[in-house]
Amino acid sequence: MKNVQLSLNAPIVAEYDVVVCGGGPAGFIAAIAAARGGASVALIEQYGFLGGTATAGLVAPISRFNFGGRRVIGGIPWEFVERLKEIGSAMEENPPGNITYMPEKYKLTAQRMVLEAGVELYLHSYLVGCVCDGGKISHVVLHTKKGAQAIGAKYFIDCTGDADLAYMANVPMQPANKSGKLQPASLCFCIGGVDTAKMPLAHHNLDTENLHDLALQAALHELEKTEDVPLFGGPWYCSVMEEGYLIVNMTRISADMTDNKEATRAECVLHEDVNRLVELLRRHVPEYKNAFLISTATQVGVRETRRILGAHTLTGEEYLNGVDFPDAVSRGCHPIDIHHGGDTGQRCSFLKCAAYIPYRTLYSPGFDNLLVAGRCFSADEVSSASVRVQASVMGLGQAAGVSAAMCAKNGGSVADVDTDALRARLVELGAVLD
């Protein structure tokens, strides 16, 4: 393969204590936590708004905060939910503590909380590289409408979902899954004109039941005998708190979404599939006879790509057995949720107890000033299939942000953080670690 040599001049536009890359559920919570810990913080986001999976991906609800009738993820993530509820834009679905929300208000509330904390926002800024010497990152390089820009920091948090910054810094990654296949990507969409009064599954308020529409799944399989039905999963729905409107999650495609050619193919196929599925719903399902497509998500929802090889890899066995680590910094309580790429199949295993996530999964040895939070943390394919959901990654973002602020104050490697002090601070914020 031939190469093109490109010399890049990126002026350093600012320096901070902490730079967070990615403004999704993990990222904006991490930025708030670090700023409230006294650090100067920048938050970098490729879109013109925050929320990531929740807003750009239309993945709903925010799942899940409770287990066994008790809240197990708290602190800043739950404060965010309360702020949404205060403006009439979120509804708690109990007992599991899933949160139905309005995506536009999610964007607004996240933005407000980030700016109130004193975080400097860099929207419309695409991470394209970093300067790394001996495992220590000094600057990230952004692509903007003004060209390349560099931002320096003492510590960095990768909340890109795909471990983009960690990958650019040559952090080792988890080996390929035993199956050799990634979980499929899905393009969620919003529709109006639905008879939502007859759609009880739009509310995620059952504790130990997979809330997919088995009746519609069977009907679509029957239609496959006479109609062109795209590959689908679920289907799952979520209310957006307005009568007649639903977010629908039912498309799926196997693709490595870190490969731009595969991602392009996936996006094109899924946009065709969404329109075809809406047409089929209108023609064959009474509740959808007046339905119309309002919007597809800005980006495909991604379940699985890169995960770092950290100081500890959280295994499915540890997760399912609820191993309580001495350095646990957050919890997880969502079912193990593994989707099949080639059919409608899904492994959905409910937990017997809420799980614990150790701090050592948030960094890789030898990379002294880099933390990760979100689905790219150090985990195997089983435990990550639970922790990848919003409430869980918010908890990881909170832990990473607090740790980064402590490091900025005290110096040293992220591996040398006093985890007892870190845990104590997280509990002060409202995290549930017992």
Protein backbone atom coordinates (compact mmCIF):
# COMPACT_ATOMS: atom_id res chain seq x y z
CA MET A 1 0.00 0.00 0.00
CA LYS A 2 1.31 3.42 -0.92
CA ASN A 3 1.37 6.14 1.72
CA VAL A 4 1.02 9.90 1.62
CA GLN A 5 3.30 11.83 3.98
CA LEU A 6 1.54 14.77 5.59
CA SER A 7 3.24 17.31 7.84
CA LEU A 8 0.75 18.68 10.35
CA ASN A 9 1.21 21.98 12.16
CA ALA A 10 -1.24 22.18 15.07
CA PRO A 11 -1.00 25.32 17.21
CA ILE A 12 -1.47 24.70 20.92
CA VAL A 13 -4.62 26.65 21.72
CA ALA A 14 -4.99 25.83 25.43
CA GLU A 15 -3.67 23.82 28.40
CA TYR A 16 -5.77 22.20 31.14
CA ASP A 17 -5.48 19.92 34.12
CA VAL A 18 -7.83 17.39 32.52
CA VAL A 19 -9.05 16.86 28.97
CA VAL A 20 -12.03 14.56 28.38
CA CYS A 21 -12.51 13.20 24.86
CA GLY A 22 -16.13 12.38 24.04
CA GLY A 23 -19.27 14.11 25.32
CA GLY A 24 -21.54 11.07 25.67
CA PRO A 25 -23.02 9.73 28.93
CA ALA A 26 -19.60 8.79 30.36
CA GLY A 27 -17.83 11.88 29.03
CA PHE A 28 -20.01 14.72 30.19
CA ILE A 29 -20.33 13.14 33.65
CA ALA A 30 -16.52 12.71 33.81
CA ALA A 31 -16.00 16.35 32.88
CA ILE A 32 -18.42 17.57 35.55
CA ALA A 33 -16.83 15.34 38.21
CA ALA A 34 -13.31 16.50 37.36
CA ALA A 35 -14.30 20.18 37.33
CA ARG A 36 -16.13 19.89 40.65
CA GLY A 37 -12.96 18.32 42.02
CA GLY A 38 -11.11 21.57 41.38
CA ALA A 39 -9.47 20.77 38.05
CA SER A 40 -9.50 22.95 34.95
CA VAL A 41 -11.28 20.79 32.38
CA ALA A 42 -11.89 20.72 28.64
CA LEU A 43 -14.51 18.47 27.03
CA ILE A 44 -14.06 17.60 23.35
CA GLU A 45 -17.05 16.46 21.28
CA GLN A 46 -17.36 15.84 17.53
CA TYR A 47 -21.02 16.89 17.33
CA GLY A 48 -22.62 20.23 18.15
CA PHE A 49 -24.31 18.81 21.25
CA LEU A 50 -23.71 16.43 24.15
CA GLY A 51 -25.25 13.08 24.97
CA GLY A 52 -23.64 10.72 22.49
CA THR A 53 -25.48 7.41 22.48
CA ALA A 54 -28.51 8.97 24.18
CA THR A 55 -28.96 11.87 21.77
CA ALA A 56 -26.92 11.24 18.61
CA GLY A 57 -27.82 7.54 18.79
CA LEU A 58 -31.41 7.82 20.15
CA VAL A 59 -30.70 4.84 22.39
CA ALA A 60 -33.35 4.86 25.10
CA PRO A 61 -34.13 4.49 27.96
CA ILE A 62 -31.28 5.44 30.31
CA SER A 63 -30.80 1.96 31.74
CA ARG A 64 -30.66 1.11 34.66
CA PHE A 65 -30.12 2.65 38.12
CA ASN A 66 -31.79 0.17 40.51
CA PHE A 67 -31.43 -3.43 41.53
CA GLY A 68 -33.66 -5.31 43.95
CA GLY A 69 -35.59 -2.17 44.77
CA ARG A 70 -32.41 -0.24 45.71
CA ARG A 71 -30.52 2.43 43.77
CA VAL A 72 -27.03 1.22 43.00
CA ILE A 73 -25.78 4.02 40.71
CA GLY A 74 -25.92 7.48 42.25
CA GLY A 75 -24.14 10.79 42.56
CA ILE A 76 -23.79 13.07 39.55
CA PRO A 77 -25.54 10.59 37.20
CA TRP A 78 -28.64 10.62 39.37
CA GLU A 79 -28.40 14.40 39.82
CA PHE A 80 -28.58 14.63 36.03
CA VAL A 81 -31.78 12.55 36.05
CA GLU A 82 -33.27 14.76 38.76
CA ARG A 83 -32.46 17.85 36.69
CA LEU A 84 -34.27 16.29 33.72
CA LYS A 85 -37.25 15.46 35.92
CA GLU A 86 -37.39 19.04 37.25
CA ILE A 87 -38.11 20.36 33.75
CA GLY A 88 -40.66 17.64 33.01
CA SER A 89 -38.38 15.79 30.61
CA ALA A 90 -37.74 12.45 32.33
CA MET A 91 -39.79 9.77 34.01
CA GLU A 92 -38.48 7.06 36.32
CA GLU A 93 -39.74 3.58 35.43
CA ASN A 94 -39.62 1.43 38.57
CA PRO A 95 -38.60 -1.00 39.96
CA PRO A 96 -35.55 -1.19 37.63
CA GLY A 97 -34.98 2.57 37.61
CA ASN A 98 -34.95 2.93 33.84
CA ILE A 99 -35.34 6.54 32.74
CA THR A 100 -37.61 7.56 29.89
CA TYR A 101 -36.47 10.97 28.61
CA MET A 102 -36.82 13.61 25.93
CA PRO A 103 -33.62 13.58 23.81
CA GLU A 104 -33.61 17.34 23.14
CA LYS A 105 -33.90 18.12 26.85
CA TYR A 106 -31.13 15.60 27.54
CA LYS A 107 -28.85 17.68 25.31
CA LEU A 108 -29.85 20.88 27.07
CA THR A 109 -29.51 19.57 30.62
CA ALA A 110 -26.11 17.99 29.96
CA GLN A 111 -24.90 21.25 28.42
CA ARG A 112 -26.16 23.28 31.37
CA MET A 113 -24.51 21.07 33.97
CA VAL A 114 -21.19 20.99 32.10
CA LEU A 115 -21.05 24.77 31.70
CA GLU A 116 -22.19 25.37 35.29
CA ALA A 117 -19.25 23.26 36.46
CA GLY A 118 -16.85 25.54 34.59
CA VAL A 119 -15.89 23.06 31.87
CA GLU A 120 -14.58 24.49 28.59
CA LEU A 121 -16.51 22.94 25.71
CA TYR A 122 -14.94 22.17 22.34
CA LEU A 123 -17.83 21.13 20.10
CA HIS A 124 -17.43 20.42 16.36
CA SER A 125 -13.94 19.14 17.18
CA TYR A 126 -12.83 15.74 15.89
CA LEU A 127 -10.02 13.88 17.62
CA VAL A 128 -7.38 12.93 15.02
CA GLY A 129 -4.24 12.24 17.03
CA CYS A 130 -2.16 12.71 20.14
CA VAL A 131 1.40 13.43 21.18
CA CYS A 132 2.60 10.58 23.37
CA ASP A 133 6.11 10.03 24.76
CA GLY A 134 6.92 6.93 26.75
CA GLY A 135 3.28 6.23 27.50
CA LYS A 136 2.53 9.77 28.65
CA ILE A 137 0.22 11.91 26.55
CA SER A 138 1.01 15.62 26.41
CA HIS A 139 -1.46 16.86 23.80
CA VAL A 140 -4.44 15.78 21.75
CA VAL A 141 -4.80 16.98 18.18
CA LEU A 142 -8.19 18.07 16.89
CA HIS A 143 -9.53 18.71 13.43
CA THR A 144 -11.68 21.84 13.28
CA LYS A 145 -13.01 24.20 10.62
CA LYS A 146 -9.91 26.31 11.32
CA GLY A 147 -7.64 23.34 10.70
CA ALA A 148 -5.64 21.34 13.21
CA GLN A 149 -5.46 22.46 16.83
CA ALA A 150 -3.66 20.96 19.83
CA ILE A 151 -4.79 20.99 23.45
CA GLY A 152 -2.47 20.06 26.29
CA ALA A 153 -3.31 18.56 29.67
CA LYS A 154 -1.81 16.86 32.68
CA TYR A 155 -4.35 14.03 32.47
CA PHE A 156 -6.69 12.69 29.81
CA ILE A 157 -9.91 10.66 29.93
CA ASP A 158 -10.98 8.66 26.88
CA CYS A 159 -14.79 8.57 26.73
CA THR A 160 -15.02 8.09 22.97
CA GLY A 161 -16.72 4.70 23.28
CA ASP A 162 -14.38 3.24 20.67
CA ALA A 163 -11.21 3.90 22.73
CA ASP A 164 -10.03 6.28 20.01
CA LEU A 165 -7.53 8.19 22.16
CA ALA A 166 -6.21 5.03 23.79
CA TYR A 167 -5.80 3.44 20.35
CA MET A 168 -3.91 6.49 19.07
CA ALA A 169 -1.62 6.30 22.12
CA ASN A 170 -0.91 2.60 21.38
CA VAL A 171 -2.64 1.28 24.48
CA PRO A 172 -3.01 -2.51 24.14
CA MET A 173 -6.54 -3.72 23.40
CA GLN A 174 -8.52 -6.79 24.40
CA PRO A 175 -8.14 -9.76 22.06
CA ALA A 176 -10.94 -10.59 19.66
CA ASN A 177 -14.01 -12.29 21.10
CA LYS A 178 -14.05 -16.09 21.15
CA SER A 179 -16.73 -15.99 18.47
CA GLY A 180 -14.62 -13.66 16.35
CA LYS A 181 -17.69 -11.48 15.82
CA LEU A 182 -18.71 -8.14 17.23
CA GLN A 183 -22.24 -7.47 18.41
CA PRO A 184 -24.28 -5.79 15.65
CA ALA A 185 -24.87 -2.08 15.30
CA SER A 186 -28.40 -0.63 15.19
CA LEU A 187 -29.89 2.55 13.77
CA CYS A 188 -32.64 3.75 16.09
CA PHE A 189 -35.41 5.97 14.80
CA CYS A 190 -38.24 8.16 16.03
CA ILE A 191 -41.75 7.80 14.64
CA GLY A 192 -45.01 9.66 15.18
CA GLY A 193 -48.64 8.80 14.59
CA VAL A 194 -48.48 5.62 16.70
CA ASP A 195 -51.35 4.46 18.87
CA THR A 196 -49.12 4.58 21.94
CA ALA A 197 -52.07 3.86 24.27
CA LYS A 198 -51.89 0.29 22.98
CA MET A 199 -48.08 0.03 23.35
CA PRO A 200 -47.39 -0.97 26.99
CA LEU A 201 -43.88 -2.12 26.06
CA ALA A 202 -42.96 1.53 25.49
CA HIS A 203 -42.49 1.72 29.26
CA HIS A 204 -39.51 -0.15 30.70
CA ASN A 205 -40.88 -0.82 34.16
CA LEU A 206 -40.54 -4.60 34.50
CA ASP A 207 -37.61 -5.87 36.51
CA THR A 208 -36.79 -9.31 35.14
CA GLU A 209 -38.30 -9.39 31.68
CA ASN A 210 -36.80 -8.56 28.30
CA LEU A 211 -39.17 -5.90 27.00
CA HIS A 212 -39.10 -6.80 23.32
CA ASP A 213 -42.27 -7.23 21.29
CA LEU A 214 -42.49 -10.99 20.73
CA ALA A 215 -45.84 -10.70 18.95
CA LEU A 216 -44.44 -8.27 16.38
CA GLN A 217 -41.28 -10.36 16.08
CA ALA A 218 -43.41 -13.38 15.17
CA ALA A 219 -45.51 -11.32 12.75
CA LEU A 220 -42.39 -10.07 10.96
CA HIS A 221 -41.03 -13.60 10.67
CA GLU A 222 -44.36 -14.66 9.15
CA LEU A 223 -44.12 -11.75 6.71
CA GLU A 224 -40.71 -13.01 5.58
CA LYS A 225 -42.57 -15.70 3.61
CA THR A 226 -44.12 -13.10 1.29
CA GLU A 227 -42.31 -9.77 1.87
CA ASP A 228 -38.77 -8.43 1.83
CA VAL A 229 -38.16 -7.96 5.58
CA PRO A 230 -34.76 -6.52 6.56
CA LEU A 231 -32.71 -8.19 9.27
CA PHE A 232 -34.07 -7.01 12.61
CA GLY A 233 -33.84 -7.55 16.33
CA GLY A 234 -36.29 -7.06 19.17
CA PRO A 235 -38.21 -4.88 18.44
CA TRP A 236 -37.83 -2.59 21.45
CA TYR A 237 -39.65 0.72 21.94
CA CYS A 238 -39.30 3.64 24.29
CA SER A 239 -41.66 6.49 24.98
CA VAL A 240 -40.46 10.06 24.60
CA MET A 241 -43.20 11.25 26.97
CA GLU A 242 -45.41 12.59 24.17
CA GLU A 243 -48.52 10.79 22.99
CA GLY A 244 -48.14 9.22 19.56
CA TYR A 245 -44.34 9.25 19.49
CA LEU A 246 -41.88 6.39 20.00
CA ILE A 247 -38.20 5.67 19.67
CA VAL A 248 -37.79 2.28 18.00
CA ASN A 249 -34.77 -0.02 18.15
CA MET A 250 -35.08 -2.90 15.68
CA THR A 251 -32.49 -2.65 12.90
CA ARG A 252 -29.21 -4.51 13.07
CA ILE A 253 -26.12 -5.14 10.96
CA SER A 254 -22.75 -6.77 11.55
CA ALA A 255 -20.00 -4.22 11.06
CA ASP A 256 -16.80 -2.99 12.66
CA MET A 257 -17.79 0.61 13.26
CA THR A 258 -14.15 1.66 13.73
CA ASP A 259 -13.58 0.90 10.02
CA ASN A 260 -14.92 3.82 7.99
CA LYS A 261 -15.70 1.68 4.94
CA GLU A 262 -17.67 -0.83 7.01
CA ALA A 263 -19.35 2.00 8.89
CA THR A 264 -20.37 3.67 5.61
CA ARG A 265 -21.86 0.43 4.32
CA ALA A 266 -23.72 -0.08 7.60
CA GLU A 267 -25.17 3.42 7.63
CA CYS A 268 -26.40 3.13 4.04
CA VAL A 269 -27.97 -0.30 4.56
CA LEU A 270 -29.63 0.70 7.82
CA HIS A 271 -31.18 3.87 6.43
CA GLU A 272 -32.79 1.75 3.72
CA ASP A 273 -33.87 -0.78 6.35
CA VAL A 274 -35.49 1.83 8.59
CA ASN A 275 -37.67 3.15 5.78
CA ARG A 276 -38.61 -0.35 4.70
CA LEU A 277 -39.52 -1.40 8.25
CA VAL A 278 -41.67 1.70 8.79
CA GLU A 279 -43.51 0.88 5.57
CA LEU A 280 -44.12 -2.69 6.75
CA LEU A 281 -45.34 -1.52 10.15
CA ARG A 282 -47.78 0.90 8.53
CA ARG A 283 -49.20 -1.78 6.25
CA HIS A 284 -49.41 -4.69 8.65
CA VAL A 285 -49.63 -3.50 12.28
CA PRO A 286 -52.83 -1.68 13.32
CA GLU A 287 -51.10 0.46 15.98
CA TYR A 288 -48.81 1.84 13.24
CA LYS A 289 -51.33 2.43 10.45
CA ASN A 290 -50.94 6.23 10.73
CA ALA A 291 -47.24 6.19 11.63
CA PHE A 292 -44.67 8.38 9.95
CA LEU A 293 -40.90 8.54 10.22
CA ILE A 294 -39.72 11.68 12.00
CA SER A 295 -35.98 11.08 12.14
CA THR A 296 -33.24 8.51 12.22
CA ALA A 297 -30.44 8.81 14.75
CA THR A 298 -27.49 11.01 13.82
CA GLN A 299 -25.28 7.96 14.11
CA VAL A 300 -25.66 4.21 14.30
CA GLY A 301 -25.78 2.87 17.84
CA VAL A 302 -22.67 0.78 18.54
CA ARG A 303 -22.69 -2.09 21.03
CA GLU A 304 -19.12 -3.27 20.75
CA THR A 305 -15.77 -2.22 19.29
CA ARG A 306 -12.42 -1.73 21.05
CA ARG A 307 -11.83 -2.29 24.77
CA ILE A 308 -8.52 -1.56 26.46
CA LEU A 309 -6.38 -4.23 28.11
CA GLY A 310 -6.25 -2.70 31.57
CA ALA A 311 -4.54 -3.44 34.85
CA HIS A 312 -7.47 -5.76 35.46
CA THR A 313 -9.95 -7.23 32.99
CA LEU A 314 -13.42 -7.62 34.48
CA THR A 315 -14.62 -11.11 33.63
CA GLY A 316 -18.15 -12.36 33.19
CA GLU A 317 -17.63 -14.77 36.07
CA GLU A 318 -16.59 -11.96 38.43
CA TYR A 319 -19.45 -9.81 37.25
CA LEU A 320 -22.15 -12.45 37.54
CA ASN A 321 -20.92 -13.50 40.97
CA GLY A 322 -20.92 -9.94 42.28
CA VAL A 323 -17.27 -9.97 43.35
CA ASP A 324 -16.74 -6.94 45.60
CA PHE A 325 -13.31 -5.54 44.75
CA PRO A 326 -11.38 -3.43 47.29
CA ASP A 327 -10.98 -0.77 44.59
CA ALA A 328 -14.58 -0.90 43.31
CA VAL A 329 -15.59 2.55 42.05
CA SER A 330 -18.97 1.89 40.44
CA ARG A 331 -21.69 -0.70 39.98
CA GLY A 332 -23.57 -2.45 37.20
CA CYS A 333 -27.04 -3.96 37.27
CA HIS A 334 -28.23 -4.29 33.68
CA PRO A 335 -28.72 -7.81 32.27
CA ILE A 336 -25.97 -9.44 30.23
CA ASP A 337 -27.21 -8.37 26.81
CA ILE A 338 -25.47 -9.99 23.83
CA HIS A 339 -27.08 -9.55 20.40
CA HIS A 340 -26.53 -11.86 17.44
CA GLY A 341 -25.30 -10.30 14.24
CA GLY A 342 -26.90 -12.62 11.72
CA ASP A 343 -30.41 -13.17 13.06
CA THR A 344 -32.94 -11.89 15.60
CA GLY A 345 -31.29 -13.81 18.43
CA GLN A 346 -30.14 -12.31 21.71
CA ARG A 347 -28.69 -13.60 24.94
CA CYS A 348 -30.35 -11.75 27.81
CA SER A 349 -29.32 -13.00 31.26
CA PHE A 350 -30.59 -11.21 34.35
CA LEU A 351 -28.22 -10.75 37.27
CA LYS A 352 -28.69 -12.33 40.69
CA CYS A 353 -26.97 -9.40 42.40
CA ALA A 354 -25.68 -5.96 41.46
CA ALA A 355 -22.07 -6.13 40.27
CA TYR A 356 -18.96 -4.13 41.13
CA ILE A 357 -16.46 -2.52 38.75
CA PRO A 358 -12.86 -2.04 39.95
CA TYR A 359 -10.80 1.08 39.34
CA ARG A 360 -8.06 -1.03 37.72
CA THR A 361 -10.30 -1.52 34.66
CA LEU A 362 -10.06 2.20 33.87
CA TYR A 363 -6.33 2.37 33.04
CA SER A 364 -3.61 0.37 31.34
CA PRO A 365 -0.19 -0.12 32.99
CA GLY A 366 2.51 2.11 31.56
CA PHE A 367 0.12 4.88 30.50
CA ASP A 368 0.46 7.14 33.50
CA ASN A 369 -1.92 9.97 32.65
CA LEU A 370 -4.72 8.24 30.74
CA LEU A 371 -8.01 6.93 32.09
CA VAL A 372 -10.91 5.50 30.13
CA ALA A 373 -14.62 5.45 30.93
CA GLY A 374 -17.51 3.97 29.01
CA ARG A 375 -17.81 0.78 27.03
CA CYS A 376 -14.09 0.85 26.14
CA PHE A 377 -13.06 -0.02 29.72
CA SER A 378 -11.14 -3.25 30.39
CA ALA A 379 -13.68 -6.07 30.32
CA ASP A 380 -14.41 -9.31 28.56
CA GLU A 381 -17.30 -9.73 26.14
CA VAL A 382 -19.70 -10.91 28.85
CA SER A 383 -19.27 -8.23 31.53
CA SER A 384 -19.00 -5.47 28.93
CA ALA A 385 -22.36 -6.58 27.50
CA SER A 386 -23.95 -5.32 30.72
CA VAL A 387 -21.80 -2.34 31.65
CA ARG A 388 -22.03 -0.71 28.19
CA VAL A 389 -25.45 0.83 28.99
CA GLN A 390 -25.90 4.46 29.99
CA ALA A 391 -26.32 4.43 33.77
CA SER A 392 -23.33 2.12 34.18
CA VAL A 393 -21.00 4.17 32.00
CA MET A 394 -22.12 7.34 33.77
CA GLY A 395 -20.88 5.73 36.97
CA LEU A 396 -17.53 4.97 35.33
CA GLY A 397 -17.31 8.54 34.06
CA GLN A 398 -17.89 9.86 37.57
CA ALA A 399 -15.09 7.66 38.93
CA ALA A 400 -12.64 8.62 36.18
CA GLY A 401 -13.40 12.34 36.59
CA VAL A 402 -12.88 12.28 40.36
CA SER A 403 -9.64 10.31 39.95
CA ALA A 404 -8.30 12.70 37.31
CA ALA A 405 -8.97 15.69 39.54
CA MET A 406 -7.16 13.98 42.41
CA CYS A 407 -4.20 13.24 40.14
CA ALA A 408 -4.10 16.83 38.87
CA LYS A 409 -3.88 18.01 42.48
CA ASN A 410 -1.44 15.44 43.83
CA GLY A 411 0.56 14.41 40.77
CA GLY A 412 1.71 10.92 39.95
CA SER A 413 0.39 8.11 37.85
CA VAL A 414 -3.28 7.21 37.59
CA ALA A 415 -2.19 3.75 38.76
CA ASP A 416 -0.97 5.18 42.07
CA VAL A 417 -4.21 6.86 43.13
CA ASP A 418 -5.23 6.21 46.74
CA THR A 419 -8.32 4.15 45.96
CA ASP A 420 -9.58 4.40 49.54
CA ALA A 421 -9.60 8.19 49.22
CA LEU A 422 -11.12 7.92 45.75
CA ARG A 423 -13.91 5.69 47.01
CA ALA A 424 -14.55 7.99 49.96
CA ARG A 425 -14.91 10.97 47.64
CA LEU A 426 -17.25 9.05 45.35
CA VAL A 427 -19.45 8.11 48.31
CA GLU A 428 -19.56 11.80 49.31
CA LEU A 429 -20.91 12.55 45.85
CA GLY A 430 -23.61 9.93 46.24
CA ALA A 431 -22.06 6.88 44.57
CA VAL A 432 -23.26 3.57 46.00
CA LEU A 433 -20.30 1.29 46.63
CA ASP A 434 -21.64 -1.05 49.33
